[in-house]
Amino acid sequence: MAAKPEIEAVIWDFGGVFTSSPFEAFNRLEAEKGLPKDLVRKVNSTNPDTNAWALFERNEIDAAGFDRLFLEESAALGHPLRGADVLPKLSGELRPRMVAALKACKQHFKVGCITNNVVSMHSPGQDEGQRTAGAMAQVMPLFDAIIESSKAGVRKPDPRIYLMMCELLAVKPGACVYLDDLGINCKPAAALGMKAIKVVDVDQTLGELAAATGLTFDAEQAA
């Protein structure tokens, strides 16, 4: 099937898209420690522009500062949890079918990556397991442009970071497809005119991506 001519670029999040969601690992941590399910998600969604997670992803605090502030914020919600216990859970397992889809898209469109990340030994690509598996080495060189929040000093869902990517790729938002596992990050992309796809699982994502791009993704070849 031919690619849709009105689409010029496909822009991807990294964690939770090319790798399994860190929230799955967060839930396991919460269960291990006898904490309420989705506590980490609740901490991260409280004061989302100024909390420890936001400051860390903009590289405004270091790992020690994140450890301290996250503990303060979780304690304020009644369930103290150190940030240092959360960071090792950031790295997920690579999803080969998503990588194959990226390679297919790259043959027809410009491809970019916008990732909210942190400067930490546990961030994607820095974790020893990730380096050994070559997850980042397999994926990152495929992109035409990459924006990392910790380097750019701006993070999703700030609309500026999406416009920065459009400028780098020399495309208009309306000519872009955007994929992210968080709805809060899809909303500003959609508001700018992008076709936003919330990544729930691989089959659903590839189905919606096929509809948006006109491409066909072979599950057997991509597995």
C-alpha atoms as a PDB file:
ATOM      1  CA  MET A   1       0.000   0.000   0.000  1.00  0.00           C
ATOM      2  CA  ALA A   2       1.308   3.461  -0.872  1.00  0.00           C
ATOM      3  CA  ALA A   3       2.133   5.935   1.851  1.00  0.00           C
ATOM      4  CA  LYS A   4      -0.350   8.750   2.337  1.00  0.00           C
ATOM      5  CA  PRO A   5       1.012  11.851   0.564  1.00  0.00           C
ATOM      6  CA  GLU A   6      -0.341  14.289   3.149  1.00  0.00           C
ATOM      7  CA  ILE A   7       1.863  12.718   5.836  1.00  0.00           C
ATOM      8  CA  GLU A   8       5.485  13.857   5.800  1.00  0.00           C
ATOM      9  CA  ALA A   9       6.789  12.814   9.207  1.00  0.00           C
ATOM     10  CA  VAL A  10       6.202  10.298  11.989  1.00  0.00           C
ATOM     11  CA  ILE A  11       7.326  11.457  15.438  1.00  0.00           C
ATOM     12  CA  TRP A  12       7.807   8.990  18.249  1.00  0.00           C
ATOM     13  CA  ASP A  13       8.152   8.938  22.006  1.00  0.00           C
ATOM     14  CA  PHE A  14      10.722   6.382  23.195  1.00  0.00           C
ATOM     15  CA  GLY A  15       9.933   4.846  26.612  1.00  0.00           C
ATOM     16  CA  GLY A  16       6.625   2.984  26.611  1.00  0.00           C
ATOM     17  CA  VAL A  17       6.637   2.979  22.802  1.00  0.00           C
ATOM     18  CA  PHE A  18       9.814   1.192  21.728  1.00  0.00           C
ATOM     19  CA  THR A  19      10.184  -0.294  25.194  1.00  0.00           C
ATOM     20  CA  SER A  20       7.678  -1.702  27.658  1.00  0.00           C
ATOM     21  CA  SER A  21       6.131   0.957  29.855  1.00  0.00           C
ATOM     22  CA  PRO A  22       8.020   1.921  33.017  1.00  0.00           C
ATOM     23  CA  PHE A  23       4.654   2.136  34.755  1.00  0.00           C
ATOM     24  CA  GLU A  24       4.521  -1.667  34.684  1.00  0.00           C
ATOM     25  CA  ALA A  25       7.785  -1.742  36.622  1.00  0.00           C
ATOM     26  CA  PHE A  26       6.528   1.010  38.942  1.00  0.00           C
ATOM     27  CA  ASN A  27       3.482  -1.122  39.780  1.00  0.00           C
ATOM     28  CA  ARG A  28       5.717  -4.079  40.630  1.00  0.00           C
ATOM     29  CA  LEU A  29       7.794  -1.843  42.902  1.00  0.00           C
ATOM     30  CA  GLU A  30       4.657  -0.593  44.647  1.00  0.00           C
ATOM     31  CA  ALA A  31       3.459  -4.150  45.216  1.00  0.00           C
ATOM     32  CA  GLU A  32       6.842  -5.212  46.570  1.00  0.00           C
ATOM     33  CA  LYS A  33       6.844  -2.363  49.074  1.00  0.00           C
ATOM     34  CA  GLY A  34       3.189  -2.670  50.042  1.00  0.00           C
ATOM     35  CA  LEU A  35       2.354   0.733  48.589  1.00  0.00           C
ATOM     36  CA  PRO A  36      -0.884   1.711  46.809  1.00  0.00           C
ATOM     37  CA  LYS A  37      -0.978   0.851  43.121  1.00  0.00           C
ATOM     38  CA  ASP A  38      -0.138   3.801  40.871  1.00  0.00           C
ATOM     39  CA  LEU A  39       1.444   5.786  43.706  1.00  0.00           C
ATOM     40  CA  VAL A  40       4.345   6.763  41.445  1.00  0.00           C
ATOM     41  CA  ARG A  41       1.905   7.881  38.761  1.00  0.00           C
ATOM     42  CA  LYS A  42       0.008   9.949  41.359  1.00  0.00           C
ATOM     43  CA  VAL A  43       3.201  11.601  42.611  1.00  0.00           C
ATOM     44  CA  ASN A  44       4.209  12.390  39.028  1.00  0.00           C
ATOM     45  CA  SER A  45       0.818  13.914  38.202  1.00  0.00           C
ATOM     46  CA  THR A  46       0.773  16.165  41.282  1.00  0.00           C
ATOM     47  CA  ASN A  47       2.137  19.607  40.372  1.00  0.00           C
ATOM     48  CA  PRO A  48       3.281  18.116  37.034  1.00  0.00           C
ATOM     49  CA  ASP A  49       5.179  21.204  35.860  1.00  0.00           C
ATOM     50  CA  THR A  50       7.165  21.803  39.035  1.00  0.00           C
ATOM     51  CA  ASN A  51       7.501  18.458  40.796  1.00  0.00           C
ATOM     52  CA  ALA A  52      10.655  16.390  41.178  1.00  0.00           C
ATOM     53  CA  TRP A  53      10.025  14.476  37.962  1.00  0.00           C
ATOM     54  CA  ALA A  54       9.546  17.658  35.913  1.00  0.00           C
ATOM     55  CA  LEU A  55      12.647  19.281  37.365  1.00  0.00           C
ATOM     56  CA  PHE A  56      14.711  16.156  36.704  1.00  0.00           C
ATOM     57  CA  GLU A  57      13.500  15.794  33.113  1.00  0.00           C
ATOM     58  CA  ARG A  58      14.474  19.418  32.443  1.00  0.00           C
ATOM     59  CA  ASN A  59      17.856  18.720  34.089  1.00  0.00           C
ATOM     60  CA  GLU A  60      17.205  21.357  36.781  1.00  0.00           C
ATOM     61  CA  ILE A  61      18.113  18.951  39.608  1.00  0.00           C
ATOM     62  CA  ASP A  62      20.485  15.996  39.844  1.00  0.00           C
ATOM     63  CA  ALA A  63      19.780  12.413  40.934  1.00  0.00           C
ATOM     64  CA  ALA A  64      20.385  13.254  44.593  1.00  0.00           C
ATOM     65  CA  GLY A  65      17.938  16.148  44.388  1.00  0.00           C
ATOM     66  CA  PHE A  66      15.365  13.927  42.707  1.00  0.00           C
ATOM     67  CA  ASP A  67      15.781  11.289  45.420  1.00  0.00           C
ATOM     68  CA  ARG A  68      15.111  13.866  48.142  1.00  0.00           C
ATOM     69  CA  LEU A  69      12.253  15.730  46.447  1.00  0.00           C
ATOM     70  CA  PHE A  70      10.434  12.587  45.342  1.00  0.00           C
ATOM     71  CA  LEU A  71      10.577  11.302  48.915  1.00  0.00           C
ATOM     72  CA  GLU A  72       9.101  14.593  50.165  1.00  0.00           C
ATOM     73  CA  GLU A  73       6.327  14.512  47.570  1.00  0.00           C
ATOM     74  CA  SER A  74       5.385  10.874  48.156  1.00  0.00           C
ATOM     75  CA  ALA A  75       5.484  11.415  51.923  1.00  0.00           C
ATOM     76  CA  ALA A  76       3.096  14.342  51.492  1.00  0.00           C
ATOM     77  CA  LEU A  77       0.671  11.854  49.917  1.00  0.00           C
ATOM     78  CA  GLY A  78       1.062   9.569  52.942  1.00  0.00           C
ATOM     79  CA  HIS A  79       3.342   6.935  51.422  1.00  0.00           C
ATOM     80  CA  PRO A  80       7.061   7.763  51.587  1.00  0.00           C
ATOM     81  CA  LEU A  81       9.079   6.367  48.672  1.00  0.00           C
ATOM     82  CA  ARG A  82      12.611   7.328  47.754  1.00  0.00           C
ATOM     83  CA  GLY A  83      13.329   8.569  44.274  1.00  0.00           C
ATOM     84  CA  ALA A  84      16.411   6.360  44.291  1.00  0.00           C
ATOM     85  CA  ASP A  85      14.103   3.324  44.423  1.00  0.00           C
ATOM     86  CA  VAL A  86      12.131   4.568  41.409  1.00  0.00           C
ATOM     87  CA  LEU A  87      14.964   5.382  39.005  1.00  0.00           C
ATOM     88  CA  PRO A  88      16.160   1.797  38.380  1.00  0.00           C
ATOM     89  CA  LYS A  89      12.671   0.978  37.084  1.00  0.00           C
ATOM     90  CA  LEU A  90      12.876   3.397  34.151  1.00  0.00           C
ATOM     91  CA  SER A  91      14.402   1.049  31.597  1.00  0.00           C
ATOM     92  CA  GLY A  92      12.009  -1.283  29.802  1.00  0.00           C
ATOM     93  CA  GLU A  93      12.333  -4.183  27.382  1.00  0.00           C
ATOM     94  CA  LEU A  94      12.688  -3.466  23.670  1.00  0.00           C
ATOM     95  CA  ARG A  95       9.672  -4.139  21.413  1.00  0.00           C
ATOM     96  CA  PRO A  96      11.066  -5.493  18.109  1.00  0.00           C
ATOM     97  CA  ARG A  97       7.816  -4.968  16.167  1.00  0.00           C
ATOM     98  CA  MET A  98       7.857  -1.254  16.969  1.00  0.00           C
ATOM     99  CA  VAL A  99      11.458  -0.995  15.778  1.00  0.00           C
ATOM    100  CA  ALA A 100      10.468  -2.724  12.550  1.00  0.00           C
ATOM    101  CA  ALA A 101       7.605  -0.251  12.126  1.00  0.00           C
ATOM    102  CA  LEU A 102      10.003   2.650  12.597  1.00  0.00           C
ATOM    103  CA  LYS A 103      12.268   1.233   9.877  1.00  0.00           C
ATOM    104  CA  ALA A 104       9.278   0.895   7.555  1.00  0.00           C
ATOM    105  CA  CYS A 105       8.188   4.476   8.223  1.00  0.00           C
ATOM    106  CA  LYS A 106      11.704   5.753   7.632  1.00  0.00           C
ATOM    107  CA  GLN A 107      11.536   4.484   4.040  1.00  0.00           C
ATOM    108  CA  HIS A 108       8.647   6.863   3.310  1.00  0.00           C
ATOM    109  CA  PHE A 109       8.706   9.666   5.884  1.00  0.00           C
ATOM    110  CA  LYS A 110      10.959  11.780   8.031  1.00  0.00           C
ATOM    111  CA  VAL A 111      11.183  10.290  11.521  1.00  0.00           C
ATOM    112  CA  GLY A 112      11.882  12.041  14.803  1.00  0.00           C
ATOM    113  CA  CYS A 113      11.961  11.210  18.509  1.00  0.00           C
ATOM    114  CA  ILE A 114      10.830  13.430  21.385  1.00  0.00           C
ATOM    115  CA  THR A 115      11.683  11.898  24.732  1.00  0.00           C
ATOM    116  CA  ASN A 116      11.237  13.152  28.268  1.00  0.00           C
ATOM    117  CA  ASN A 117      14.353  11.766  29.894  1.00  0.00           C
ATOM    118  CA  VAL A 118      16.674  12.350  32.813  1.00  0.00           C
ATOM    119  CA  VAL A 119      20.414  12.517  33.229  1.00  0.00           C
ATOM    120  CA  SER A 120      20.808   9.328  35.238  1.00  0.00           C
ATOM    121  CA  MET A 121      22.582   5.998  35.051  1.00  0.00           C
ATOM    122  CA  HIS A 122      19.116   4.465  34.988  1.00  0.00           C
ATOM    123  CA  SER A 123      17.716   6.449  32.075  1.00  0.00           C
ATOM    124  CA  PRO A 124      17.149   4.581  28.792  1.00  0.00           C
ATOM    125  CA  GLY A 125      20.481   3.856  27.184  1.00  0.00           C
ATOM    126  CA  GLN A 126      22.444   4.420  30.366  1.00  0.00           C
ATOM    127  CA  ASP A 127      21.233   1.316  32.168  1.00  0.00           C
ATOM    128  CA  GLU A 128      23.755  -1.518  31.808  1.00  0.00           C
ATOM    129  CA  GLY A 129      21.127  -3.984  30.637  1.00  0.00           C
ATOM    130  CA  GLN A 130      19.968  -1.584  27.945  1.00  0.00           C
ATOM    131  CA  ARG A 131      23.507  -1.021  26.706  1.00  0.00           C
ATOM    132  CA  THR A 132      24.184  -4.745  26.604  1.00  0.00           C
ATOM    133  CA  ALA A 133      20.993  -5.406  24.687  1.00  0.00           C
ATOM    134  CA  GLY A 134      21.798  -2.532  22.371  1.00  0.00           C
ATOM    135  CA  ALA A 135      18.267  -1.136  22.652  1.00  0.00           C
ATOM    136  CA  MET A 136      19.268   2.475  22.197  1.00  0.00           C
ATOM    137  CA  ALA A 137      21.990   1.574  19.707  1.00  0.00           C
ATOM    138  CA  GLN A 138      19.384  -0.157  17.536  1.00  0.00           C
ATOM    139  CA  VAL A 139      16.803   2.592  17.625  1.00  0.00           C
ATOM    140  CA  MET A 140      18.314   6.055  18.037  1.00  0.00           C
ATOM    141  CA  PRO A 141      20.481   6.075  14.874  1.00  0.00           C
ATOM    142  CA  LEU A 142      17.338   5.537  12.805  1.00  0.00           C
ATOM    143  CA  PHE A 143      15.880   8.960  13.625  1.00  0.00           C
ATOM    144  CA  ASP A 144      16.414  12.042  11.500  1.00  0.00           C
ATOM    145  CA  ALA A 145      16.112  14.220  14.594  1.00  0.00           C
ATOM    146  CA  ILE A 146      16.026  13.643  18.365  1.00  0.00           C
ATOM    147  CA  ILE A 147      14.955  16.003  21.143  1.00  0.00           C
ATOM    148  CA  GLU A 148      15.734  14.998  24.740  1.00  0.00           C
ATOM    149  CA  SER A 149      14.053  17.034  27.461  1.00  0.00           C
ATOM    150  CA  SER A 150      17.133  16.885  29.696  1.00  0.00           C
ATOM    151  CA  LYS A 151      19.178  18.566  26.958  1.00  0.00           C
ATOM    152  CA  ALA A 152      16.525  20.893  25.528  1.00  0.00           C
ATOM    153  CA  GLY A 153      15.392  22.220  28.918  1.00  0.00           C
ATOM    154  CA  VAL A 154      11.747  21.789  27.900  1.00  0.00           C
ATOM    155  CA  ARG A 155       9.570  18.696  28.271  1.00  0.00           C
ATOM    156  CA  LYS A 156       6.314  17.254  27.027  1.00  0.00           C
ATOM    157  CA  PRO A 157       3.490  18.262  27.236  1.00  0.00           C
ATOM    158  CA  ASP A 158       4.879  21.776  26.609  1.00  0.00           C
ATOM    159  CA  PRO A 159       3.775  22.543  23.018  1.00  0.00           C
ATOM    160  CA  ARG A 160       7.131  24.169  22.308  1.00  0.00           C
ATOM    161  CA  ILE A 161       8.920  20.822  22.190  1.00  0.00           C
ATOM    162  CA  TYR A 162       6.635  19.544  19.402  1.00  0.00           C
ATOM    163  CA  LEU A 163       7.158  22.733  17.407  1.00  0.00           C
ATOM    164  CA  MET A 164      10.908  22.381  17.913  1.00  0.00           C
ATOM    165  CA  MET A 165      10.733  18.952  16.295  1.00  0.00           C
ATOM    166  CA  CYS A 166       8.657  20.271  13.386  1.00  0.00           C
ATOM    167  CA  GLU A 167      11.305  22.932  12.828  1.00  0.00           C
ATOM    168  CA  LEU A 168      14.093  20.342  12.890  1.00  0.00           C
ATOM    169  CA  LEU A 169      12.251  18.145  10.382  1.00  0.00           C
ATOM    170  CA  ALA A 170      11.067  21.123   8.294  1.00  0.00           C
ATOM    171  CA  VAL A 171       7.438  20.000   8.395  1.00  0.00           C
ATOM    172  CA  LYS A 172       4.154  21.480   9.561  1.00  0.00           C
ATOM    173  CA  PRO A 173       2.312  19.863  12.497  1.00  0.00           C
ATOM    174  CA  GLY A 174      -0.599  18.918  10.262  1.00  0.00           C
ATOM    175  CA  ALA A 175       1.711  16.709   8.199  1.00  0.00           C
ATOM    176  CA  CYS A 176       2.834  14.675  11.214  1.00  0.00           C
ATOM    177  CA  VAL A 177       1.798  11.538  13.045  1.00  0.00           C
ATOM    178  CA  TYR A 178       2.749  11.495  16.734  1.00  0.00           C
ATOM    179  CA  LEU A 179       2.963   8.406  18.988  1.00  0.00           C
ATOM    180  CA  ASP A 180       3.161   8.428  22.788  1.00  0.00           C
ATOM    181  CA  ASP A 181       2.049   6.100  25.576  1.00  0.00           C
ATOM    182  CA  LEU A 182       0.731   9.001  27.678  1.00  0.00           C
ATOM    183  CA  GLY A 183      -2.499  10.738  26.765  1.00  0.00           C
ATOM    184  CA  ILE A 184      -1.332  13.967  28.403  1.00  0.00           C
ATOM    185  CA  ASN A 185       1.488  14.088  25.848  1.00  0.00           C
ATOM    186  CA  CYS A 186      -0.764  13.239  22.908  1.00  0.00           C
ATOM    187  CA  LYS A 187      -3.207  16.096  23.609  1.00  0.00           C
ATOM    188  CA  PRO A 188      -0.902  19.030  22.733  1.00  0.00           C
ATOM    189  CA  ALA A 189       0.284  17.200  19.614  1.00  0.00           C
ATOM    190  CA  ALA A 190      -3.323  16.798  18.497  1.00  0.00           C
ATOM    191  CA  ALA A 191      -4.089  20.418  19.379  1.00  0.00           C
ATOM    192  CA  LEU A 192      -1.282  21.501  17.059  1.00  0.00           C
ATOM    193  CA  GLY A 193      -2.828  19.489  14.237  1.00  0.00           C
ATOM    194  CA  MET A 194      -0.843  16.261  14.437  1.00  0.00           C
ATOM    195  CA  LYS A 195      -2.489  12.850  14.122  1.00  0.00           C
ATOM    196  CA  ALA A 196      -1.893  11.602  17.666  1.00  0.00           C
ATOM    197  CA  ILE A 197      -1.803   7.904  18.505  1.00  0.00           C
ATOM    198  CA  LYS A 198      -1.855   6.816  22.146  1.00  0.00           C
ATOM    199  CA  VAL A 199       0.206   3.652  22.460  1.00  0.00           C
ATOM    200  CA  VAL A 200      -1.743   1.119  24.519  1.00  0.00           C
ATOM    201  CA  ASP A 201      -0.313  -2.072  23.052  1.00  0.00           C
ATOM    202  CA  VAL A 202       1.666  -3.034  19.956  1.00  0.00           C
ATOM    203  CA  ASP A 203      -1.212  -4.476  17.895  1.00  0.00           C
ATOM    204  CA  GLN A 204      -3.453  -1.466  18.508  1.00  0.00           C
ATOM    205  CA  THR A 205      -0.629   0.957  17.777  1.00  0.00           C
ATOM    206  CA  LEU A 206       0.420  -0.650  14.512  1.00  0.00           C
ATOM    207  CA  GLY A 207      -3.207  -0.810  13.393  1.00  0.00           C
ATOM    208  CA  GLU A 208      -3.698   2.920  13.984  1.00  0.00           C
ATOM    209  CA  LEU A 209      -0.304   3.743  12.487  1.00  0.00           C
ATOM    210  CA  ALA A 210      -1.168   1.770   9.357  1.00  0.00           C
ATOM    211  CA  ALA A 211      -4.434   3.697   9.014  1.00  0.00           C
ATOM    212  CA  ALA A 212      -2.670   7.033   9.503  1.00  0.00           C
ATOM    213  CA  THR A 213       0.239   6.398   7.138  1.00  0.00           C
ATOM    214  CA  GLY A 214      -1.186   4.026   4.529  1.00  0.00           C
ATOM    215  CA  LEU A 215       1.620   1.567   5.227  1.00  0.00           C
ATOM    216  CA  THR A 216       1.252  -2.116   6.023  1.00  0.00           C
ATOM    217  CA  PHE A 217       3.164  -3.600   8.949  1.00  0.00           C
ATOM    218  CA  ASP A 218       3.771  -7.332   8.702  1.00  0.00           C
ATOM    219  CA  ALA A 219       3.492  -8.809  12.197  1.00  0.00           C
ATOM    220  CA  GLU A 220       5.368 -11.968  11.308  1.00  0.00           C
ATOM    221  CA  GLN A 221       8.314 -10.183   9.744  1.00  0.00           C
ATOM    222  CA  ALA A 222       8.329  -7.611  12.531  1.00  0.00           C
ATOM    223  CA  ALA A 223       8.168 -10.121  15.384  1.00  0.00           C
END
